[in-house]
Amino acid sequence: MKLFTLHLPPSAASSVPLTRAAAPPLLLREGFSWGAALFGPLWCLVHRLWLEAVLLAALWAALALAPEAVAAPAALGLAVLTGLEARDRLRARLARRGWRMEGVIAAPDTDAAWFRLATLRPGLVRGLP
């Protein structure tokens, strides 16, 4: 069973159904991000995490200058840490932009999570295509 966090756009009030003009709600999966672990700064750039991308690139550059005995375990640790923190960085970016986290949905996959959201809060998904 996977966990998804439900985020509502800044313009959405919890009692008002979303219109087509408003941004749709967002379900963000919890857990390790393999894309972030494998591609690091590139993954951050794709997800518009500018500061994180610069910091990761600087850390990778510093690791390139480190002795080989230190660089290999440190690079592995940095990749694991990046994968573990990636979803939290996305949540922080949404919070900075005014999105509200409304709750957590447990489901086996993304489609089931959207179905569960539609069952629990039909007003949120009524205007979605």
C-alpha atoms as a PDB file:
ATOM      1  CA  MET A   1       0.000   0.000   0.000  1.00  0.00           C
ATOM      2  CA  LYS A   2       1.389   3.386  -1.014  1.00  0.00           C
ATOM      3  CA  LEU A   3       0.691   6.736   0.599  1.00  0.00           C
ATOM      4  CA  PHE A   4      -0.192   9.862  -1.376  1.00  0.00           C
ATOM      5  CA  THR A   5      -0.509  13.385  -0.021  1.00  0.00           C
ATOM      6  CA  LEU A   6      -3.358  15.509  -1.369  1.00  0.00           C
ATOM      7  CA  HIS A   7      -2.464  19.118  -2.179  1.00  0.00           C
ATOM      8  CA  LEU A   8      -4.979  21.812  -3.127  1.00  0.00           C
ATOM      9  CA  PRO A   9      -4.043  24.901  -5.158  1.00  0.00           C
ATOM     10  CA  PRO A  10      -3.957  28.311  -3.488  1.00  0.00           C
ATOM     11  CA  SER A  11      -7.235  29.403  -5.100  1.00  0.00           C
ATOM     12  CA  ALA A  12      -9.259  26.410  -3.886  1.00  0.00           C
ATOM     13  CA  ALA A  13     -11.303  26.635  -0.707  1.00  0.00           C
ATOM     14  CA  SER A  14     -11.993  23.294   0.910  1.00  0.00           C
ATOM     15  CA  SER A  15     -15.787  23.764   0.727  1.00  0.00           C
ATOM     16  CA  VAL A  16     -15.941  25.051  -2.861  1.00  0.00           C
ATOM     17  CA  PRO A  17     -15.648  22.590  -5.773  1.00  0.00           C
ATOM     18  CA  LEU A  18     -12.856  23.327  -8.217  1.00  0.00           C
ATOM     19  CA  THR A  19     -13.728  24.888 -11.552  1.00  0.00           C
ATOM     20  CA  ARG A  20     -11.996  24.231 -14.844  1.00  0.00           C
ATOM     21  CA  ALA A  21     -10.146  27.576 -14.468  1.00  0.00           C
ATOM     22  CA  ALA A  22      -8.609  26.510 -11.147  1.00  0.00           C
ATOM     23  CA  ALA A  23      -5.607  24.236 -10.961  1.00  0.00           C
ATOM     24  CA  PRO A  24      -6.564  20.621 -10.250  1.00  0.00           C
ATOM     25  CA  PRO A  25      -5.637  18.969  -6.957  1.00  0.00           C
ATOM     26  CA  LEU A  26      -2.329  17.158  -6.868  1.00  0.00           C
ATOM     27  CA  LEU A  27      -1.551  13.723  -5.472  1.00  0.00           C
ATOM     28  CA  LEU A  28       2.112  13.339  -4.536  1.00  0.00           C
ATOM     29  CA  ARG A  29       3.393   9.862  -3.692  1.00  0.00           C
ATOM     30  CA  GLU A  30       5.395   9.276  -0.527  1.00  0.00           C
ATOM     31  CA  GLY A  31       8.593   7.306  -0.560  1.00  0.00           C
ATOM     32  CA  PHE A  32      11.938   6.950  -2.260  1.00  0.00           C
ATOM     33  CA  SER A  33      12.467   8.611  -5.647  1.00  0.00           C
ATOM     34  CA  TRP A  34      14.686   6.546  -7.917  1.00  0.00           C
ATOM     35  CA  GLY A  35      14.798   9.334 -10.500  1.00  0.00           C
ATOM     36  CA  ALA A  36      16.172  11.777  -7.947  1.00  0.00           C
ATOM     37  CA  ALA A  37      18.689   9.227  -6.659  1.00  0.00           C
ATOM     38  CA  LEU A  38      19.992   8.371 -10.141  1.00  0.00           C
ATOM     39  CA  PHE A  39      19.867  11.779 -11.834  1.00  0.00           C
ATOM     40  CA  GLY A  40      20.196  14.185  -8.862  1.00  0.00           C
ATOM     41  CA  PRO A  41      20.586  17.772 -10.099  1.00  0.00           C
ATOM     42  CA  LEU A  42      18.881  17.031 -13.423  1.00  0.00           C
ATOM     43  CA  TRP A  43      15.822  15.668 -11.602  1.00  0.00           C
ATOM     44  CA  CYS A  44      15.768  18.818  -9.447  1.00  0.00           C
ATOM     45  CA  LEU A  45      15.906  21.042 -12.536  1.00  0.00           C
ATOM     46  CA  VAL A  46      13.043  19.164 -14.192  1.00  0.00           C
ATOM     47  CA  HIS A  47      10.937  19.686 -11.053  1.00  0.00           C
ATOM     48  CA  ARG A  48      11.964  23.369 -10.762  1.00  0.00           C
ATOM     49  CA  LEU A  49      13.922  22.922  -7.556  1.00  0.00           C
ATOM     50  CA  TRP A  50      16.563  25.479  -8.521  1.00  0.00           C
ATOM     51  CA  LEU A  51      18.363  25.918  -5.197  1.00  0.00           C
ATOM     52  CA  GLU A  52      18.465  22.183  -4.553  1.00  0.00           C
ATOM     53  CA  ALA A  53      19.887  21.584  -8.046  1.00  0.00           C
ATOM     54  CA  VAL A  54      22.680  24.103  -7.493  1.00  0.00           C
ATOM     55  CA  LEU A  55      23.526  22.684  -4.061  1.00  0.00           C
ATOM     56  CA  LEU A  56      23.550  19.109  -5.365  1.00  0.00           C
ATOM     57  CA  ALA A  57      25.755  20.065  -8.321  1.00  0.00           C
ATOM     58  CA  ALA A  58      28.171  21.786  -5.923  1.00  0.00           C
ATOM     59  CA  LEU A  59      28.281  18.702  -3.695  1.00  0.00           C
ATOM     60  CA  TRP A  60      28.924  16.437  -6.692  1.00  0.00           C
ATOM     61  CA  ALA A  61      31.713  18.778  -7.833  1.00  0.00           C
ATOM     62  CA  ALA A  62      33.241  18.673  -4.347  1.00  0.00           C
ATOM     63  CA  LEU A  63      33.082  14.869  -4.423  1.00  0.00           C
ATOM     64  CA  ALA A  64      34.952  14.875  -7.722  1.00  0.00           C
ATOM     65  CA  LEU A  65      37.853  16.596  -5.963  1.00  0.00           C
ATOM     66  CA  ALA A  66      37.835  14.249  -2.962  1.00  0.00           C
ATOM     67  CA  PRO A  67      40.126  11.196  -2.698  1.00  0.00           C
ATOM     68  CA  GLU A  68      38.677   8.079  -4.311  1.00  0.00           C
ATOM     69  CA  ALA A  69      38.434   6.178  -1.029  1.00  0.00           C
ATOM     70  CA  VAL A  70      36.131   8.880   0.344  1.00  0.00           C
ATOM     71  CA  ALA A  71      34.327   9.871  -2.852  1.00  0.00           C
ATOM     72  CA  ALA A  72      32.692   6.524  -3.675  1.00  0.00           C
ATOM     73  CA  PRO A  73      30.888   5.954  -0.347  1.00  0.00           C
ATOM     74  CA  ALA A  74      30.042   9.653  -0.081  1.00  0.00           C
ATOM     75  CA  ALA A  75      28.557   9.648  -3.601  1.00  0.00           C
ATOM     76  CA  LEU A  76      26.430   6.624  -2.759  1.00  0.00           C
ATOM     77  CA  GLY A  77      25.287   8.290   0.460  1.00  0.00           C
ATOM     78  CA  LEU A  78      24.476  11.521  -1.381  1.00  0.00           C
ATOM     79  CA  ALA A  79      22.435   9.632  -3.986  1.00  0.00           C
ATOM     80  CA  VAL A  80      20.470   7.775  -1.286  1.00  0.00           C
ATOM     81  CA  LEU A  81      19.865  10.986   0.663  1.00  0.00           C
ATOM     82  CA  THR A  82      18.685  12.734  -2.507  1.00  0.00           C
ATOM     83  CA  GLY A  83      16.236   9.926  -3.236  1.00  0.00           C
ATOM     84  CA  LEU A  84      14.896   9.972   0.321  1.00  0.00           C
ATOM     85  CA  GLU A  85      14.434  13.755   0.451  1.00  0.00           C
ATOM     86  CA  ALA A  86      13.123  14.349  -3.078  1.00  0.00           C
ATOM     87  CA  ARG A  87       9.378  14.095  -2.363  1.00  0.00           C
ATOM     88  CA  ASP A  88       9.732  16.268   0.735  1.00  0.00           C
ATOM     89  CA  ARG A  89      11.461  18.945  -1.352  1.00  0.00           C
ATOM     90  CA  LEU A  90       8.526  18.838  -3.801  1.00  0.00           C
ATOM     91  CA  ARG A  91       6.078  19.240  -0.907  1.00  0.00           C
ATOM     92  CA  ALA A  92       8.077  22.194   0.424  1.00  0.00           C
ATOM     93  CA  ARG A  93       8.005  23.838  -3.017  1.00  0.00           C
ATOM     94  CA  LEU A  94       4.229  23.414  -3.187  1.00  0.00           C
ATOM     95  CA  ALA A  95       3.873  24.928   0.308  1.00  0.00           C
ATOM     96  CA  ARG A  96       6.016  27.924  -0.697  1.00  0.00           C
ATOM     97  CA  ARG A  97       3.681  28.509  -3.626  1.00  0.00           C
ATOM     98  CA  GLY A  98       0.601  28.481  -1.417  1.00  0.00           C
ATOM     99  CA  TRP A  99      -0.674  24.944  -2.000  1.00  0.00           C
ATOM    100  CA  ARG A 100      -2.328  23.377   1.045  1.00  0.00           C
ATOM    101  CA  MET A 101      -1.836  19.787   2.074  1.00  0.00           C
ATOM    102  CA  GLU A 102      -5.353  18.490   2.746  1.00  0.00           C
ATOM    103  CA  GLY A 103      -4.692  14.910   3.746  1.00  0.00           C
ATOM    104  CA  VAL A 104      -3.155  11.537   3.077  1.00  0.00           C
ATOM    105  CA  ILE A 105      -4.628   8.809   0.885  1.00  0.00           C
ATOM    106  CA  ALA A 106      -3.559   5.160   1.083  1.00  0.00           C
ATOM    107  CA  ALA A 107      -3.938   3.178  -2.128  1.00  0.00           C
ATOM    108  CA  PRO A 108      -2.084   0.475  -4.084  1.00  0.00           C
ATOM    109  CA  ASP A 109      -1.422   2.779  -7.083  1.00  0.00           C
ATOM    110  CA  THR A 110      -2.121   6.252  -8.469  1.00  0.00           C
ATOM    111  CA  ASP A 111      -5.367   5.300 -10.216  1.00  0.00           C
ATOM    112  CA  ALA A 112      -6.756   3.764  -7.050  1.00  0.00           C
ATOM    113  CA  ALA A 113      -5.725   6.882  -5.108  1.00  0.00           C
ATOM    114  CA  TRP A 114      -7.665   9.110  -7.535  1.00  0.00           C
ATOM    115  CA  PHE A 115     -10.651   6.762  -7.273  1.00  0.00           C
ATOM    116  CA  ARG A 116     -10.510   6.888  -3.481  1.00  0.00           C
ATOM    117  CA  LEU A 117     -10.283  10.692  -3.613  1.00  0.00           C
ATOM    118  CA  ALA A 118     -13.315  10.807  -5.915  1.00  0.00           C
ATOM    119  CA  THR A 119     -15.201   8.585  -3.487  1.00  0.00           C
ATOM    120  CA  LEU A 120     -14.279  10.564  -0.378  1.00  0.00           C
ATOM    121  CA  ARG A 121     -14.359  14.116  -1.795  1.00  0.00           C
ATOM    122  CA  PRO A 122     -16.327  14.146  -5.061  1.00  0.00           C
ATOM    123  CA  GLY A 123     -16.382  17.953  -5.191  1.00  0.00           C
ATOM    124  CA  LEU A 124     -12.642  18.054  -5.734  1.00  0.00           C
ATOM    125  CA  VAL A 125     -12.615  15.894  -8.833  1.00  0.00           C
ATOM    126  CA  ARG A 126     -15.978  16.790 -10.368  1.00  0.00           C
ATOM    127  CA  GLY A 127     -14.522  19.440 -12.700  1.00  0.00           C
ATOM    128  CA  LEU A 128     -11.509  17.426 -13.813  1.00  0.00           C
ATOM    129  CA  PRO A 129     -11.341  16.166 -17.401  1.00  0.00           C
END
